[in-house]
Amino acid sequence: MTTLKFKTSINCNGCVAKVSPFLDNTNGIDKWEVELTNPQKILTIETSSLKEEDIIEGLKNIGYRAEKID
């Protein structure tokens, strides 16, 4: 299991509602959460098969920005 972290443009509960279908229905995402209280709006994803690029591109396709952080 790999944990991926991203700084995102997901900044409110409405945004979370918009990205939820993508994150919930993407094969390979085992668990995810967004820290809305963090100024960088950190998205944490647990996966066994996806790469950073998969998440970044998928979020971009629905109108959100994500940048990999360590």
C-alpha atoms as a PDB file:
ATOM      1  CA  MET A   1       0.000   0.000   0.000  1.00  0.00           C
ATOM      2  CA  THR A   2       1.291   3.431  -0.977  1.00  0.00           C
ATOM      3  CA  THR A   3       0.191   6.735   0.517  1.00  0.00           C
ATOM      4  CA  LEU A   4       0.162   9.677  -1.886  1.00  0.00           C
ATOM      5  CA  LYS A   5      -0.206  13.288  -0.738  1.00  0.00           C
ATOM      6  CA  PHE A   6      -1.151  16.271  -2.870  1.00  0.00           C
ATOM      7  CA  LYS A   7      -1.590  19.999  -2.377  1.00  0.00           C
ATOM      8  CA  THR A   8      -4.914  20.715  -4.093  1.00  0.00           C
ATOM      9  CA  SER A   9      -7.430  23.355  -5.139  1.00  0.00           C
ATOM     10  CA  ILE A  10     -10.187  21.415  -3.323  1.00  0.00           C
ATOM     11  CA  ASN A  11     -11.142  24.111  -0.838  1.00  0.00           C
ATOM     12  CA  CYS A  12     -14.657  23.526   0.488  1.00  0.00           C
ATOM     13  CA  ASN A  13     -17.278  20.865   1.134  1.00  0.00           C
ATOM     14  CA  GLY A  14     -18.852  21.654  -2.236  1.00  0.00           C
ATOM     15  CA  CYS A  15     -15.532  20.839  -3.919  1.00  0.00           C
ATOM     16  CA  VAL A  16     -15.313  17.601  -1.942  1.00  0.00           C
ATOM     17  CA  ALA A  17     -18.788  16.702  -3.201  1.00  0.00           C
ATOM     18  CA  LYS A  18     -17.634  17.293  -6.791  1.00  0.00           C
ATOM     19  CA  VAL A  19     -14.464  15.169  -6.512  1.00  0.00           C
ATOM     20  CA  SER A  20     -16.051  12.381  -4.456  1.00  0.00           C
ATOM     21  CA  PRO A  21     -17.521  10.461  -7.437  1.00  0.00           C
ATOM     22  CA  PHE A  22     -14.119  10.453  -9.160  1.00  0.00           C
ATOM     23  CA  LEU A  23     -12.215   9.404  -6.030  1.00  0.00           C
ATOM     24  CA  ASP A  24     -14.841   6.899  -4.878  1.00  0.00           C
ATOM     25  CA  ASN A  25     -15.138   5.201  -8.275  1.00  0.00           C
ATOM     26  CA  THR A  26     -11.502   5.096  -9.366  1.00  0.00           C
ATOM     27  CA  ASN A  27     -10.161   1.549  -9.255  1.00  0.00           C
ATOM     28  CA  GLY A  28      -7.032   1.430  -7.137  1.00  0.00           C
ATOM     29  CA  ILE A  29      -8.034   4.051  -4.563  1.00  0.00           C
ATOM     30  CA  ASP A  30      -8.516   2.208  -1.297  1.00  0.00           C
ATOM     31  CA  LYS A  31      -9.042   5.255   0.947  1.00  0.00           C
ATOM     32  CA  TRP A  32      -8.899   9.035   0.561  1.00  0.00           C
ATOM     33  CA  GLU A  33      -9.425  12.204   2.573  1.00  0.00           C
ATOM     34  CA  VAL A  34      -9.004  15.964   2.145  1.00  0.00           C
ATOM     35  CA  GLU A  35      -7.800  18.179   4.990  1.00  0.00           C
ATOM     36  CA  LEU A  36      -9.876  21.307   4.376  1.00  0.00           C
ATOM     37  CA  THR A  37      -8.493  22.955   7.535  1.00  0.00           C
ATOM     38  CA  ASN A  38      -4.948  22.768   6.162  1.00  0.00           C
ATOM     39  CA  PRO A  39      -4.053  25.890   4.110  1.00  0.00           C
ATOM     40  CA  GLN A  40      -2.667  23.605   1.366  1.00  0.00           C
ATOM     41  CA  LYS A  41      -5.886  21.503   1.276  1.00  0.00           C
ATOM     42  CA  ILE A  42      -3.981  18.220   1.486  1.00  0.00           C
ATOM     43  CA  LEU A  43      -5.495  15.232  -0.315  1.00  0.00           C
ATOM     44  CA  THR A  44      -4.232  11.909   1.032  1.00  0.00           C
ATOM     45  CA  ILE A  45      -4.827   8.763  -1.010  1.00  0.00           C
ATOM     46  CA  GLU A  46      -4.013   5.172  -0.132  1.00  0.00           C
ATOM     47  CA  THR A  47      -3.485   3.014  -3.208  1.00  0.00           C
ATOM     48  CA  SER A  48      -1.838  -0.214  -4.228  1.00  0.00           C
ATOM     49  CA  SER A  49      -1.752   0.430  -7.962  1.00  0.00           C
ATOM     50  CA  LEU A  50      -2.059   4.104  -8.952  1.00  0.00           C
ATOM     51  CA  LYS A  51       0.691   6.613  -9.649  1.00  0.00           C
ATOM     52  CA  GLU A  52       0.760  10.327  -8.831  1.00  0.00           C
ATOM     53  CA  GLU A  53       0.127  11.199 -12.470  1.00  0.00           C
ATOM     54  CA  ASP A  54      -3.115   9.186 -12.501  1.00  0.00           C
ATOM     55  CA  ILE A  55      -4.559  11.279  -9.679  1.00  0.00           C
ATOM     56  CA  ILE A  56      -3.240  14.612 -10.975  1.00  0.00           C
ATOM     57  CA  GLU A  57      -4.667  13.997 -14.455  1.00  0.00           C
ATOM     58  CA  GLY A  58      -7.991  12.692 -13.160  1.00  0.00           C
ATOM     59  CA  LEU A  59      -8.514  15.746 -10.935  1.00  0.00           C
ATOM     60  CA  LYS A  60      -7.450  18.061 -13.761  1.00  0.00           C
ATOM     61  CA  ASN A  61     -10.137  16.502 -15.985  1.00  0.00           C
ATOM     62  CA  ILE A  62     -12.832  17.531 -13.479  1.00  0.00           C
ATOM     63  CA  GLY A  63     -11.428  21.009 -12.911  1.00  0.00           C
ATOM     64  CA  TYR A  64      -9.119  20.688  -9.918  1.00  0.00           C
ATOM     65  CA  ARG A  65      -5.404  21.157  -9.477  1.00  0.00           C
ATOM     66  CA  ALA A  66      -3.180  18.748  -7.551  1.00  0.00           C
ATOM     67  CA  GLU A  67       0.544  18.905  -6.899  1.00  0.00           C
ATOM     68  CA  LYS A  68       2.476  15.976  -5.382  1.00  0.00           C
ATOM     69  CA  ILE A  69       4.084  16.643  -2.025  1.00  0.00           C
ATOM     70  CA  ASP A  70       6.314  14.440   0.120  1.00  0.00           C
END
